[in-house]
PDB file of all heavy atoms in Angstrom:
ATOM      1  N   ALA A   1      43.034  58.066  -1.931  1.00  0.00           N
ATOM      2  CA  ALA A   1      44.369  58.200  -2.525  1.00  0.00           C
ATOM      3  C   ALA A   1      45.370  58.966  -1.661  1.00  0.00           C
ATOM      4  O   ALA A   1      44.967  59.658  -0.742  1.00  0.00           O
ATOM      5  CB  ALA A   1      44.245  58.895  -3.876  1.00  0.00           C
ATOM      6  N   SER A   2      46.632  58.783  -1.968  1.00  0.00           N
ATOM      7  CA  SER A   2      47.694  59.559  -1.336  1.00  0.00           C
ATOM      8  C   SER A   2      47.472  61.033  -1.608  1.00  0.00           C
ATOM      9  O   SER A   2      46.853  61.432  -2.569  1.00  0.00           O
ATOM     10  CB  SER A   2      49.051  59.110  -1.796  1.00  0.00           C
ATOM     11  OG  SER A   2      49.253  57.731  -1.554  1.00  0.00           O
ATOM     12  N   GLU A   3      48.036  61.803  -0.762  1.00  0.00           N
ATOM     13  CA  GLU A   3      47.949  63.295  -0.898  1.00  0.00           C
ATOM     14  C   GLU A   3      48.697  63.771  -2.126  1.00  0.00           C
ATOM     15  O   GLU A   3      49.566  63.050  -2.689  1.00  0.00           O
ATOM     16  CB  GLU A   3      48.500  63.978   0.338  1.00  0.00           C
ATOM     17  CG  GLU A   3      47.716  63.747   1.574  1.00  0.00           C
ATOM     18  CD  GLU A   3      48.244  64.537   2.764  1.00  0.00           C
ATOM     19  OE1 GLU A   3      49.021  65.485   2.587  1.00  0.00           O
ATOM     20  OE2 GLU A   3      47.836  64.211   3.884  1.00  0.00           O
ATOM     21  N   ARG A   4      48.308  64.937  -2.623  1.00  0.00           N
ATOM     22  CA  ARG A   4      48.968  65.592  -3.743  1.00  0.00           C
ATOM     23  C   ARG A   4      48.877  64.792  -5.042  1.00  0.00           C
ATOM     24  O   ARG A   4      49.831  64.621  -5.778  1.00  0.00           O
ATOM     25  CB  ARG A   4      50.439  65.928  -3.422  1.00  0.00           C
ATOM     26  CG  ARG A   4      50.628  66.795  -2.235  1.00  0.00           C
ATOM     27  CD  ARG A   4      52.086  67.133  -2.007  1.00  0.00           C
ATOM     28  NE  ARG A   4      52.914  65.990  -1.778  1.00  0.00           N
ATOM     29  CZ  ARG A   4      53.030  65.369  -0.620  1.00  0.00           C
ATOM     30  NH1 ARG A   4      52.387  65.862   0.468  1.00  0.00           N
ATOM     31  NH2 ARG A   4      53.780  64.303  -0.453  1.00  0.00           N
ATOM     32  N   THR A   5      47.689  64.243  -5.316  1.00  0.00           N
ATOM     33  CA  THR A   5      47.450  63.499  -6.496  1.00  0.00           C
ATOM     34  C   THR A   5      46.518  64.219  -7.495  1.00  0.00           C
ATOM     35  O   THR A   5      46.719  64.169  -8.679  1.00  0.00           O
ATOM     36  CB  THR A   5      46.930  62.090  -6.199  1.00  0.00           C
ATOM     37  OG1 THR A   5      45.714  62.233  -5.456  1.00  0.00           O
ATOM     38  CG2 THR A   5      47.921  61.271  -5.442  1.00  0.00           C
ATOM     39  N   PHE A   6      45.477  64.880  -6.942  1.00  0.00           N
ATOM     40  CA  PHE A   6      44.420  65.353  -7.829  1.00  0.00           C
ATOM     41  C   PHE A   6      44.762  66.559  -8.591  1.00  0.00           C
ATOM     42  O   PHE A   6      44.129  66.847  -9.619  1.00  0.00           O
ATOM     43  CB  PHE A   6      43.145  65.598  -6.975  1.00  0.00           C
ATOM     44  CG  PHE A   6      42.592  64.415  -6.326  1.00  0.00           C
ATOM     45  CD1 PHE A   6      41.809  64.495  -5.217  1.00  0.00           C
ATOM     46  CD2 PHE A   6      42.790  63.147  -6.876  1.00  0.00           C
ATOM     47  CE1 PHE A   6      41.244  63.395  -4.656  1.00  0.00           C
ATOM     48  CE2 PHE A   6      42.242  62.025  -6.312  1.00  0.00           C
ATOM     49  CZ  PHE A   6      41.448  62.125  -5.207  1.00  0.00           C
ATOM     50  N   ARG A   7      45.783  67.294  -8.256  1.00  0.00           N
ATOM     51  CA  ARG A   7      46.130  68.481  -8.995  1.00  0.00           C
ATOM     52  C   ARG A   7      46.765  68.180 -10.344  1.00  0.00           C
ATOM     53  O   ARG A   7      46.491  68.892 -11.342  1.00  0.00           O
ATOM     54  CB  ARG A   7      47.157  69.409  -8.186  1.00  0.00           C
ATOM     55  CG  ARG A   7      46.475  70.159  -7.046  1.00  0.00           C
ATOM     56  CD  ARG A   7      47.505  71.085  -6.419  1.00  0.00           C
ATOM     57  NE  ARG A   7      46.917  71.864  -5.348  1.00  0.00           N
ATOM     58  CZ  ARG A   7      47.567  72.811  -4.644  1.00  0.00           C
ATOM     59  NH1 ARG A   7      48.847  73.077  -4.959  1.00  0.00           N
ATOM     60  NH2 ARG A   7      46.965  73.465  -3.691  1.00  0.00           N
ATOM     61  N   SER A   8      47.577  67.140 -10.411  1.00  0.00           N
ATOM     62  CA  SER A   8      48.259  66.799 -11.673  1.00  0.00           C
ATOM     63  C   SER A   8      48.026  65.416 -12.161  1.00  0.00           C
ATOM     64  O   SER A   8      48.511  65.052 -13.239  1.00  0.00           O
ATOM     65  CB  SER A   8      49.764  67.031 -11.445  1.00  0.00           C
ATOM     66  OG  SER A   8      50.208  66.217 -10.362  1.00  0.00           O
ATOM     67  N   TYR A   9      47.255  64.610 -11.428  1.00  0.00           N
ATOM     68  CA  TYR A   9      46.981  63.221 -11.833  1.00  0.00           C
ATOM     69  C   TYR A   9      45.637  63.084 -12.503  1.00  0.00           C
ATOM     70  O   TYR A   9      44.669  63.767 -12.149  1.00  0.00           O
ATOM     71  CB  TYR A   9      47.080  62.273 -10.635  1.00  0.00           C
ATOM     72  CG  TYR A   9      48.471  61.915 -10.182  1.00  0.00           C
ATOM     73  CD1 TYR A   9      49.328  62.927  -9.768  1.00  0.00           C
ATOM     74  CD2 TYR A   9      48.886  60.620 -10.177  1.00  0.00           C
ATOM     75  CE1 TYR A   9      50.582  62.618  -9.303  1.00  0.00           C
ATOM     76  CE2 TYR A   9      50.142  60.288  -9.721  1.00  0.00           C
ATOM     77  CZ  TYR A   9      51.033  61.254  -9.294  1.00  0.00           C
ATOM     78  OH  TYR A   9      52.279  60.936  -8.846  1.00  0.00           O
ATOM     79  N   THR A  10      45.548  62.150 -13.422  1.00  0.00           N
ATOM     80  CA  THR A  10      44.274  61.671 -13.916  1.00  0.00           C
ATOM     81  C   THR A  10      43.847  60.476 -13.073  1.00  0.00           C
ATOM     82  O   THR A  10      44.605  59.557 -12.834  1.00  0.00           O
ATOM     83  CB  THR A  10      44.416  61.218 -15.413  1.00  0.00           C
ATOM     84  OG1 THR A  10      44.792  62.370 -16.185  1.00  0.00           O
ATOM     85  CG2 THR A  10      43.073  60.698 -15.922  1.00  0.00           C
ATOM     86  N   MET A  11      42.579  60.511 -12.641  1.00  0.00           N
ATOM     87  CA  MET A  11      42.014  59.469 -11.813  1.00  0.00           C
ATOM     88  C   MET A  11      40.958  58.722 -12.601  1.00  0.00           C
ATOM     89  O   MET A  11      40.032  59.390 -13.122  1.00  0.00           O
ATOM     90  CB  MET A  11      41.460  60.014 -10.501  1.00  0.00           C
ATOM     91  CG  MET A  11      42.416  60.833  -9.679  1.00  0.00           C
ATOM     92  SD  MET A  11      43.814  59.826  -9.079  1.00  0.00           S
ATOM     93  CE  MET A  11      42.960  58.645  -8.021  1.00  0.00           C
ATOM     94  N   GLY A  12      41.034  57.404 -12.620  1.00  0.00           N
ATOM     95  CA  GLY A  12      40.124  56.643 -13.416  1.00  0.00           C
ATOM     96  C   GLY A  12      39.480  55.473 -12.693  1.00  0.00           C
ATOM     97  O   GLY A  12      40.025  54.997 -11.667  1.00  0.00           O
ATOM     98  N   TRP A  13      38.390  55.009 -13.195  1.00  0.00           N
ATOM     99  CA  TRP A  13      37.707  53.783 -12.770  1.00  0.00           C
ATOM    100  C   TRP A  13      37.645  52.801 -13.899  1.00  0.00           C
ATOM    101  O   TRP A  13      37.228  53.157 -15.027  1.00  0.00           O
ATOM    102  CB  TRP A  13      36.311  54.037 -12.224  1.00  0.00           C
ATOM    103  CG  TRP A  13      36.227  54.736 -10.914  1.00  0.00           C
ATOM    104  CD1 TRP A  13      36.104  56.053 -10.619  1.00  0.00           C
ATOM    105  CD2 TRP A  13      36.346  54.077  -9.613  1.00  0.00           C
ATOM    106  NE1 TRP A  13      36.093  56.267  -9.300  1.00  0.00           N
ATOM    107  CE2 TRP A  13      36.254  55.082  -8.624  1.00  0.00           C
ATOM    108  CE3 TRP A  13      36.498  52.751  -9.206  1.00  0.00           C
ATOM    109  CZ2 TRP A  13      36.294  54.787  -7.233  1.00  0.00           C
ATOM    110  CZ3 TRP A  13      36.561  52.481  -7.871  1.00  0.00           C
ATOM    111  CH2 TRP A  13      36.462  53.494  -6.883  1.00  0.00           C
ATOM    112  N   PHE A  14      38.074  51.572 -13.663  1.00  0.00           N
ATOM    113  CA  PHE A  14      37.989  50.495 -14.601  1.00  0.00           C
ATOM    114  C   PHE A  14      37.198  49.355 -13.969  1.00  0.00           C
ATOM    115  O   PHE A  14      36.940  49.322 -12.751  1.00  0.00           O
ATOM    116  CB  PHE A  14      39.376  49.940 -14.946  1.00  0.00           C
ATOM    117  CG  PHE A  14      40.163  50.822 -15.859  1.00  0.00           C
ATOM    118  CD1 PHE A  14      40.718  52.006 -15.338  1.00  0.00           C
ATOM    119  CD2 PHE A  14      40.333  50.497 -17.201  1.00  0.00           C
ATOM    120  CE1 PHE A  14      41.487  52.826 -16.204  1.00  0.00           C
ATOM    121  CE2 PHE A  14      41.067  51.336 -18.038  1.00  0.00           C
ATOM    122  CZ  PHE A  14      41.652  52.486 -17.527  1.00  0.00           C
ATOM    123  N   ARG A  15      36.725  48.431 -14.802  1.00  0.00           N
ATOM    124  CA  ARG A  15      36.006  47.246 -14.297  1.00  0.00           C
ATOM    125  C   ARG A  15      36.430  46.015 -15.087  1.00  0.00           C
ATOM    126  O   ARG A  15      36.786  46.103 -16.288  1.00  0.00           O
ATOM    127  CB  ARG A  15      34.503  47.414 -14.298  1.00  0.00           C
ATOM    128  CG  ARG A  15      33.864  47.548 -15.653  1.00  0.00           C
ATOM    129  CD  ARG A  15      32.413  47.891 -15.438  1.00  0.00           C
ATOM    130  NE  ARG A  15      31.674  48.034 -16.718  1.00  0.00           N
ATOM    131  CZ  ARG A  15      30.434  48.446 -16.874  1.00  0.00           C
ATOM    132  NH1 ARG A  15      29.703  48.738 -15.752  1.00  0.00           N
ATOM    133  NH2 ARG A  15      29.880  48.560 -18.027  1.00  0.00           N
ATOM    134  N   GLN A  16      36.320  44.842 -14.453  1.00  0.00           N
ATOM    135  CA  GLN A  16      36.827  43.622 -15.064  1.00  0.00           C
ATOM    136  C   GLN A  16      35.983  42.434 -14.574  1.00  0.00           C
ATOM    137  O   GLN A  16      35.673  42.325 -13.395  1.00  0.00           O
ATOM    138  CB  GLN A  16      38.298  43.364 -14.680  1.00  0.00           C
ATOM    139  CG  GLN A  16      38.948  42.182 -15.370  1.00  0.00           C
ATOM    140  CD  GLN A  16      40.410  42.080 -15.108  1.00  0.00           C
ATOM    141  OE1 GLN A  16      40.913  42.577 -14.074  1.00  0.00           O
ATOM    142  NE2 GLN A  16      41.157  41.462 -16.027  1.00  0.00           N
ATOM    143  N   THR A  17      35.619  41.571 -15.523  1.00  0.00           N
ATOM    144  CA  THR A  17      34.933  40.327 -15.194  1.00  0.00           C
ATOM    145  C   THR A  17      35.857  39.163 -15.520  1.00  0.00           C
ATOM    146  O   THR A  17      36.862  39.364 -16.310  1.00  0.00           O
ATOM    147  CB  THR A  17      33.650  40.199 -16.006  1.00  0.00           C
ATOM    148  OG1 THR A  17      33.935  40.327 -17.461  1.00  0.00           O
ATOM    149  CG2 THR A  17      32.643  41.256 -15.644  1.00  0.00           C
ATOM    150  N   PRO A  18      35.669  37.960 -14.983  1.00  0.00           N
ATOM    151  CA  PRO A  18      36.593  36.867 -15.202  1.00  0.00           C
ATOM    152  C   PRO A  18      36.832  36.554 -16.650  1.00  0.00           C
ATOM    153  O   PRO A  18      35.895  36.478 -17.490  1.00  0.00           O
ATOM    154  CB  PRO A  18      35.857  35.658 -14.506  1.00  0.00           C
ATOM    155  CG  PRO A  18      35.044  36.328 -13.418  1.00  0.00           C
ATOM    156  CD  PRO A  18      34.589  37.613 -14.023  1.00  0.00           C
ATOM    157  N   GLY A  19      38.085  36.380 -17.000  1.00  0.00           N
ATOM    158  CA  GLY A  19      38.478  36.049 -18.339  1.00  0.00           C
ATOM    159  C   GLY A  19      38.484  37.182 -19.368  1.00  0.00           C
ATOM    160  O   GLY A  19      38.751  36.988 -20.541  1.00  0.00           O
ATOM    161  N   LYS A  20      38.223  38.435 -18.878  1.00  0.00           N
ATOM    162  CA  LYS A  20      38.201  39.545 -19.767  1.00  0.00           C
ATOM    163  C   LYS A  20      39.159  40.613 -19.321  1.00  0.00           C
ATOM    164  O   LYS A  20      39.616  40.600 -18.158  1.00  0.00           O
ATOM    165  CB  LYS A  20      36.784  40.139 -19.847  1.00  0.00           C
ATOM    166  CG  LYS A  20      35.753  39.160 -20.445  1.00  0.00           C
ATOM    167  CD  LYS A  20      34.388  39.827 -20.489  1.00  0.00           C
ATOM    168  CE  LYS A  20      33.382  38.855 -21.093  1.00  0.00           C
ATOM    169  NZ  LYS A  20      32.025  39.503 -21.162  1.00  0.00           N
ATOM    170  N   GLU A  21      39.495  41.547 -20.233  1.00  0.00           N
ATOM    171  CA  GLU A  21      40.393  42.618 -19.852  1.00  0.00           C
ATOM    172  C   GLU A  21      39.671  43.717 -19.070  1.00  0.00           C
ATOM    173  O   GLU A  21      38.423  43.763 -19.082  1.00  0.00           O
ATOM    174  CB  GLU A  21      40.954  43.275 -21.172  1.00  0.00           C
ATOM    175  CG  GLU A  21      41.849  42.337 -21.973  1.00  0.00           C
ATOM    176  CD  GLU A  21      42.405  43.040 -23.188  1.00  0.00           C
ATOM    177  OE1 GLU A  21      41.985  44.159 -23.532  1.00  0.00           O
ATOM    178  OE2 GLU A  21      43.327  42.444 -23.844  1.00  0.00           O
ATOM    179  N   ARG A  22      40.432  44.525 -18.395  1.00  0.00           N
ATOM    180  CA  ARG A  22      39.871  45.635 -17.699  1.00  0.00           C
ATOM    181  C   ARG A  22      39.457  46.731 -18.675  1.00  0.00           C
ATOM    182  O   ARG A  22      40.216  47.115 -19.534  1.00  0.00           O
ATOM    183  CB  ARG A  22      40.888  46.235 -16.720  1.00  0.00           C
ATOM    184  CG  ARG A  22      41.221  45.333 -15.534  1.00  0.00           C
ATOM    185  CD  ARG A  22      42.133  45.969 -14.522  1.00  0.00           C
ATOM    186  NE  ARG A  22      42.513  44.989 -13.527  1.00  0.00           N
ATOM    187  CZ  ARG A  22      43.306  45.270 -12.509  1.00  0.00           C
ATOM    188  NH1 ARG A  22      43.746  46.501 -12.290  1.00  0.00           N
ATOM    189  NH2 ARG A  22      43.628  44.314 -11.627  1.00  0.00           N
ATOM    190  N   ASP A  23      38.249  47.221 -18.542  1.00  0.00           N
ATOM    191  CA  ASP A  23      37.710  48.220 -19.401  1.00  0.00           C
ATOM    192  C   ASP A  23      37.457  49.514 -18.676  1.00  0.00           C
ATOM    193  O   ASP A  23      37.084  49.534 -17.515  1.00  0.00           O
ATOM    194  CB  ASP A  23      36.359  47.742 -20.004  1.00  0.00           C
ATOM    195  CG  ASP A  23      36.511  46.557 -20.943  1.00  0.00           C
ATOM    196  OD1 ASP A  23      37.490  46.490 -21.628  1.00  0.00           O
ATOM    197  OD2 ASP A  23      35.605  45.710 -20.976  1.00  0.00           O
ATOM    198  N   ILE A  24      37.647  50.618 -19.415  1.00  0.00           N
ATOM    199  CA  ILE A  24      37.456  51.930 -18.833  1.00  0.00           C
ATOM    200  C   ILE A  24      35.988  52.153 -18.489  1.00  0.00           C
ATOM    201  O   ILE A  24      35.089  51.747 -19.235  1.00  0.00           O
ATOM    202  CB  ILE A  24      37.968  53.044 -19.793  1.00  0.00           C
ATOM    203  CG1 ILE A  24      37.786  54.425 -19.153  1.00  0.00           C
ATOM    204  CG2 ILE A  24      37.198  52.978 -21.097  1.00  0.00           C
ATOM    205  CD1 ILE A  24      38.713  54.653 -17.988  1.00  0.00           C
ATOM    206  N   VAL A  25      35.727  52.735 -17.337  1.00  0.00           N
ATOM    207  CA  VAL A  25      34.404  53.136 -16.924  1.00  0.00           C
ATOM    208  C   VAL A  25      34.317  54.683 -17.008  1.00  0.00           C
ATOM    209  O   VAL A  25      33.358  55.190 -17.635  1.00  0.00           O
ATOM    210  CB  VAL A  25      34.095  52.649 -15.501  1.00  0.00           C
ATOM    211  CG1 VAL A  25      32.721  53.211 -15.067  1.00  0.00           C
ATOM    212  CG2 VAL A  25      34.121  51.129 -15.459  1.00  0.00           C
ATOM    213  N   ALA A  26      35.231  55.352 -16.372  1.00  0.00           N
ATOM    214  CA  ALA A  26      35.245  56.850 -16.342  1.00  0.00           C
ATOM    215  C   ALA A  26      36.585  57.321 -15.887  1.00  0.00           C
ATOM    216  O   ALA A  26      37.347  56.596 -15.209  1.00  0.00           O
ATOM    217  CB  ALA A  26      34.164  57.351 -15.424  1.00  0.00           C
ATOM    218  N   TYR A  27      36.938  58.566 -16.229  1.00  0.00           N
ATOM    219  CA  TYR A  27      38.115  59.200 -15.669  1.00  0.00           C
ATOM    220  C   TYR A  27      37.845  60.693 -15.478  1.00  0.00           C
ATOM    221  O   TYR A  27      36.927  61.264 -16.141  1.00  0.00           O
ATOM    222  CB  TYR A  27      39.402  58.946 -16.434  1.00  0.00           C
ATOM    223  CG  TYR A  27      39.556  59.602 -17.756  1.00  0.00           C
ATOM    224  CD1 TYR A  27      39.702  60.978 -17.888  1.00  0.00           C
ATOM    225  CD2 TYR A  27      39.587  58.823 -18.929  1.00  0.00           C
ATOM    226  CE1 TYR A  27      39.867  61.567 -19.131  1.00  0.00           C
ATOM    227  CE2 TYR A  27      39.795  59.430 -20.190  1.00  0.00           C
ATOM    228  CZ  TYR A  27      39.923  60.799 -20.250  1.00  0.00           C
ATOM    229  OH  TYR A  27      40.109  61.374 -21.503  1.00  0.00           O
TER     230      TYR A  27
END
């Protein structure tokens, strides 16, 4: 990621399969 993100940003991981919405994995 770009600098100066982790202090005030929430960082998340999502996953997606064909034909489906992106679902939360973790943040």
